[in-house]
C-alpha atoms as a PDB file:
ATOM      1  CA  UNK A   1      18.682 -13.942 -55.214  1.00  0.00           C
ATOM      2  CA  UNK A   2      17.443 -16.391 -52.434  1.00  0.00           C
ATOM      3  CA  UNK A   3      17.481 -16.805 -48.781  1.00  0.00           C
ATOM      4  CA  UNK A   4      16.468 -19.848 -46.444  1.00  0.00           C
ATOM      5  CA  UNK A   5      13.534 -19.570 -43.838  1.00  0.00           C
ATOM      6  CA  UNK A   6      14.681 -21.455 -40.842  1.00  0.00           C
ATOM      7  CA  UNK A   7      11.894 -23.375 -39.082  1.00  0.00           C
ATOM      8  CA  UNK A   8      12.471 -25.205 -35.757  1.00  0.00           C
ATOM      9  CA  UNK A   9       9.999 -28.133 -35.786  1.00  0.00           C
ATOM     10  CA  UNK A  10      11.141 -29.922 -32.567  1.00  0.00           C
ATOM     11  CA  UNK A  11      13.609 -29.421 -29.747  1.00  0.00           C
ATOM     12  CA  UNK A  12      13.395 -32.483 -27.914  1.00  0.00           C
ATOM     13  CA  UNK A  13      14.700 -32.363 -24.255  1.00  0.00           C
ATOM     14  CA  UNK A  14      17.411 -30.027 -25.298  1.00  0.00           C
ATOM     15  CA  UNK A  15      17.949 -26.721 -23.550  1.00  0.00           C
ATOM     16  CA  UNK A  16      17.582 -23.541 -25.163  1.00  0.00           C
ATOM     17  CA  UNK A  17      21.213 -22.781 -25.446  1.00  0.00           C
ATOM     18  CA  UNK A  18      21.835 -25.940 -27.131  1.00  0.00           C
ATOM     19  CA  UNK A  19      18.960 -25.275 -29.658  1.00  0.00           C
ATOM     20  CA  UNK A  20      20.347 -21.698 -30.295  1.00  0.00           C
ATOM     21  CA  UNK A  21      23.771 -23.116 -31.025  1.00  0.00           C
ATOM     22  CA  UNK A  22      22.411 -25.655 -33.533  1.00  0.00           C
ATOM     23  CA  UNK A  23      20.411 -22.947 -35.324  1.00  0.00           C
ATOM     24  CA  UNK A  24      23.571 -20.641 -35.421  1.00  0.00           C
ATOM     25  CA  UNK A  25      25.425 -23.456 -36.994  1.00  0.00           C
ATOM     26  CA  UNK A  26      22.782 -23.943 -39.492  1.00  0.00           C
ATOM     27  CA  UNK A  27      22.641 -20.121 -40.317  1.00  0.00           C
ATOM     28  CA  UNK A  28      26.345 -19.874 -40.653  1.00  0.00           C
ATOM     29  CA  UNK A  29      26.683 -23.070 -42.763  1.00  0.00           C
ATOM     30  CA  UNK A  30      23.973 -21.838 -45.188  1.00  0.00           C
ATOM     31  CA  UNK A  31      25.652 -18.376 -45.477  1.00  0.00           C
ATOM     32  CA  UNK A  32      28.928 -19.974 -46.120  1.00  0.00           C
ATOM     33  CA  UNK A  33      27.939 -22.387 -48.777  1.00  0.00           C
ATOM     34  CA  UNK A  34      24.313 -23.570 -49.446  1.00  0.00           C
ATOM     35  CA  UNK A  35      25.350 -26.564 -51.729  1.00  0.00           C
ATOM     36  CA  UNK A  36      24.171 -29.800 -50.051  1.00  0.00           C
ATOM     37  CA  UNK A  37      27.457 -31.560 -49.681  1.00  0.00           C
ATOM     38  CA  UNK A  38      29.449 -28.617 -48.457  1.00  0.00           C
ATOM     39  CA  UNK A  39      26.643 -27.580 -45.981  1.00  0.00           C
ATOM     40  CA  UNK A  40      26.357 -31.248 -44.764  1.00  0.00           C
ATOM     41  CA  UNK A  41      29.980 -31.518 -44.171  1.00  0.00           C
ATOM     42  CA  UNK A  42      30.300 -27.852 -42.443  1.00  0.00           C
ATOM     43  CA  UNK A  43      27.164 -28.758 -40.184  1.00  0.00           C
ATOM     44  CA  UNK A  44      28.735 -32.055 -38.987  1.00  0.00           C
ATOM     45  CA  UNK A  45      32.177 -30.428 -38.427  1.00  0.00           C
ATOM     46  CA  UNK A  46      30.746 -27.270 -36.468  1.00  0.00           C
ATOM     47  CA  UNK A  47      28.434 -29.442 -34.566  1.00  0.00           C
ATOM     48  CA  UNK A  48      31.142 -31.526 -33.027  1.00  0.00           C
ATOM     49  CA  UNK A  49      33.399 -28.488 -32.538  1.00  0.00           C
ATOM     50  CA  UNK A  50      30.681 -26.525 -30.751  1.00  0.00           C
ATOM     51  CA  UNK A  51      28.747 -29.308 -28.819  1.00  0.00           C
ATOM     52  CA  UNK A  52      31.170 -32.169 -28.690  1.00  0.00           C
ATOM     53  CA  UNK A  53      31.102 -35.625 -30.215  1.00  0.00           C
ATOM     54  CA  UNK A  54      28.128 -36.965 -28.178  1.00  0.00           C
ATOM     55  CA  UNK A  55      25.596 -35.837 -31.040  1.00  0.00           C
ATOM     56  CA  UNK A  56      24.629 -37.502 -34.242  1.00  0.00           C
ATOM     57  CA  UNK A  57      23.121 -35.482 -37.132  1.00  0.00           C
ATOM     58  CA  UNK A  58      21.703 -35.864 -40.523  1.00  0.00           C
ATOM     59  CA  UNK A  59      21.352 -33.353 -43.256  1.00  0.00           C
ATOM     60  CA  UNK A  60      18.933 -34.319 -46.117  1.00  0.00           C
ATOM     61  CA  UNK A  61      18.425 -32.122 -49.178  1.00  0.00           C
ATOM     62  CA  UNK A  62      14.734 -31.885 -50.348  1.00  0.00           C
ATOM     63  CA  UNK A  63      15.020 -30.045 -53.607  1.00  0.00           C
ATOM     64  CA  UNK A  64      16.781 -26.721 -52.768  1.00  0.00           C
ATOM     65  CA  UNK A  65      15.666 -26.897 -49.167  1.00  0.00           C
ATOM     66  CA  UNK A  66      17.181 -29.022 -46.227  1.00  0.00           C
ATOM     67  CA  UNK A  67      15.960 -31.129 -43.452  1.00  0.00           C
ATOM     68  CA  UNK A  68      18.391 -31.292 -40.465  1.00  0.00           C
ATOM     69  CA  UNK A  69      18.081 -33.864 -37.649  1.00  0.00           C
ATOM     70  CA  UNK A  70      20.242 -33.635 -34.472  1.00  0.00           C
ATOM     71  CA  UNK A  71      20.114 -36.520 -31.988  1.00  0.00           C
ATOM     72  CA  UNK A  72      21.934 -37.289 -28.622  1.00  0.00           C
ATOM     73  CA  UNK A  73      21.188 -40.169 -26.530  1.00  0.00           C
ATOM     74  CA  UNK A  74      18.241 -39.679 -24.253  1.00  0.00           C
ATOM     75  CA  UNK A  75      17.395 -36.279 -25.460  1.00  0.00           C
ATOM     76  CA  UNK A  76      15.306 -37.050 -28.420  1.00  0.00           C
ATOM     77  CA  UNK A  77      15.724 -34.823 -31.699  1.00  0.00           C
ATOM     78  CA  UNK A  78      16.111 -31.288 -32.673  1.00  0.00           C
ATOM     79  CA  UNK A  79      14.373 -31.185 -36.177  1.00  0.00           C
ATOM     80  CA  UNK A  80      14.934 -27.984 -38.401  1.00  0.00           C
ATOM     81  CA  UNK A  81      13.779 -27.330 -41.721  1.00  0.00           C
ATOM     82  CA  UNK A  82      15.772 -24.671 -43.990  1.00  0.00           C
ATOM     83  CA  UNK A  83      13.088 -23.751 -46.684  1.00  0.00           C
ATOM     84  CA  UNK A  84      14.586 -22.223 -49.739  1.00  0.00           C
ATOM     85  CA  UNK A  85      12.862 -19.006 -50.630  1.00  0.00           C
ATOM     86  CA  UNK A  86      13.464 -17.232 -54.031  1.00  0.00           C
ATOM     87  CA  UNK A  87      13.613 -13.335 -53.897  1.00  0.00           C
ATOM     88  CA  UNK A  88      12.406 -12.319 -57.367  1.00  0.00           C
ATOM     89  CA  UNK A  89      10.749  -8.999 -57.141  1.00  0.00           C
ATOM     90  CA  UNK A  90      11.813  -5.638 -55.700  1.00  0.00           C
ATOM     91  CA  UNK A  91       9.011  -5.976 -53.135  1.00  0.00           C
ATOM     92  CA  UNK A  92      10.555  -9.509 -52.092  1.00  0.00           C
ATOM     93  CA  UNK A  93      13.995  -7.881 -51.615  1.00  0.00           C
ATOM     94  CA  UNK A  94      12.694  -5.101 -49.809  1.00  0.00           C
ATOM     95  CA  UNK A  95      10.669  -7.042 -47.387  1.00  0.00           C
ATOM     96  CA  UNK A  96      13.633  -9.349 -46.869  1.00  0.00           C
ATOM     97  CA  UNK A  97      15.775  -6.214 -46.002  1.00  0.00           C
ATOM     98  CA  UNK A  98      13.291  -5.065 -43.484  1.00  0.00           C
ATOM     99  CA  UNK A  99      12.575  -8.398 -41.946  1.00  0.00           C
ATOM    100  CA  UNK A 100      16.432  -8.656 -41.269  1.00  0.00           C
ATOM    101  CA  UNK A 101      16.142  -6.093 -38.460  1.00  0.00           C
ATOM    102  CA  UNK A 102      13.112  -7.587 -36.970  1.00  0.00           C
ATOM    103  CA  UNK A 103      13.035 -10.654 -34.490  1.00  0.00           C
ATOM    104  CA  UNK A 104       9.412 -11.247 -33.863  1.00  0.00           C
ATOM    105  CA  UNK A 105       6.028 -10.725 -35.799  1.00  0.00           C
ATOM    106  CA  UNK A 106       4.838  -8.377 -33.165  1.00  0.00           C
ATOM    107  CA  UNK A 107       7.509  -5.879 -34.175  1.00  0.00           C
ATOM    108  CA  UNK A 108       6.073  -5.228 -37.589  1.00  0.00           C
ATOM    109  CA  UNK A 109       3.246  -3.012 -36.223  1.00  0.00           C
ATOM    110  CA  UNK A 110       5.982  -0.503 -34.946  1.00  0.00           C
ATOM    111  CA  UNK A 111       7.400  -0.116 -38.631  1.00  0.00           C
ATOM    112  CA  UNK A 112       4.807   2.348 -39.751  1.00  0.00           C
ATOM    113  CA  UNK A 113       4.413   0.365 -43.085  1.00  0.00           C
ATOM    114  CA  UNK A 114       1.107  -0.321 -44.866  1.00  0.00           C
ATOM    115  CA  UNK A 115      -0.747  -3.324 -43.469  1.00  0.00           C
ATOM    116  CA  UNK A 116      -0.795  -4.713 -47.041  1.00  0.00           C
ATOM    117  CA  UNK A 117       3.077  -5.285 -46.651  1.00  0.00           C
ATOM    118  CA  UNK A 118       2.859  -6.949 -43.213  1.00  0.00           C
ATOM    119  CA  UNK A 119       2.648 -10.549 -44.756  1.00  0.00           C
ATOM    120  CA  UNK A 120       5.462 -10.000 -47.134  1.00  0.00           C
ATOM    121  CA  UNK A 121       7.845  -8.823 -44.129  1.00  0.00           C
ATOM    122  CA  UNK A 122       6.454 -11.791 -41.896  1.00  0.00           C
ATOM    123  CA  UNK A 123       7.591 -14.222 -44.737  1.00  0.00           C
ATOM    124  CA  UNK A 124      11.265 -13.275 -44.387  1.00  0.00           C
ATOM    125  CA  UNK A 125      11.568 -13.085 -40.613  1.00  0.00           C
ATOM    126  CA  UNK A 126      14.211 -15.413 -39.433  1.00  0.00           C
ATOM    127  CA  UNK A 127      15.841 -15.926 -42.864  1.00  0.00           C
ATOM    128  CA  UNK A 128      19.508 -16.319 -43.611  1.00  0.00           C
ATOM    129  CA  UNK A 129      21.771 -14.044 -45.344  1.00  0.00           C
END
C-alpha cells in the first residue's frame, strides 16, 4: 500500500480558495490514478474545468513522487509536492488510518494515544487515499 503526502511549498499571490481548488484537484487525481501520464492529463484537464484556461501547469515525476507547478500571469506560482509514501507495517497502516480523521497536528493530543505514536500519526496527516 502507499499514499502521497501533499506539501504546499508556495502559493504565490493566489487566494486561499484557488489554492484549495488546486489541492483538491491534486488529491482527486492521485486517488483516481497515480501513474504519471494519467495524473498529468487529469490535472491539466481538471485545472482548466475548475479555474478556466488562464492557468498554465506542469506535472513532473520525481521517482514515484510528483512536483506540480501552477502559474497564472501576474500571480506567481503555486508549487506543490506529492511525496510518495510506502505503508509497509501494520503500524504505518494504523497511523495512516487515524491521521485521515485529523486535520492538524494539534489534534493529536486529543486522541489519547501514547506519545511514542505521535510522530507516526503526524507523518500521515494530509495524505491521499
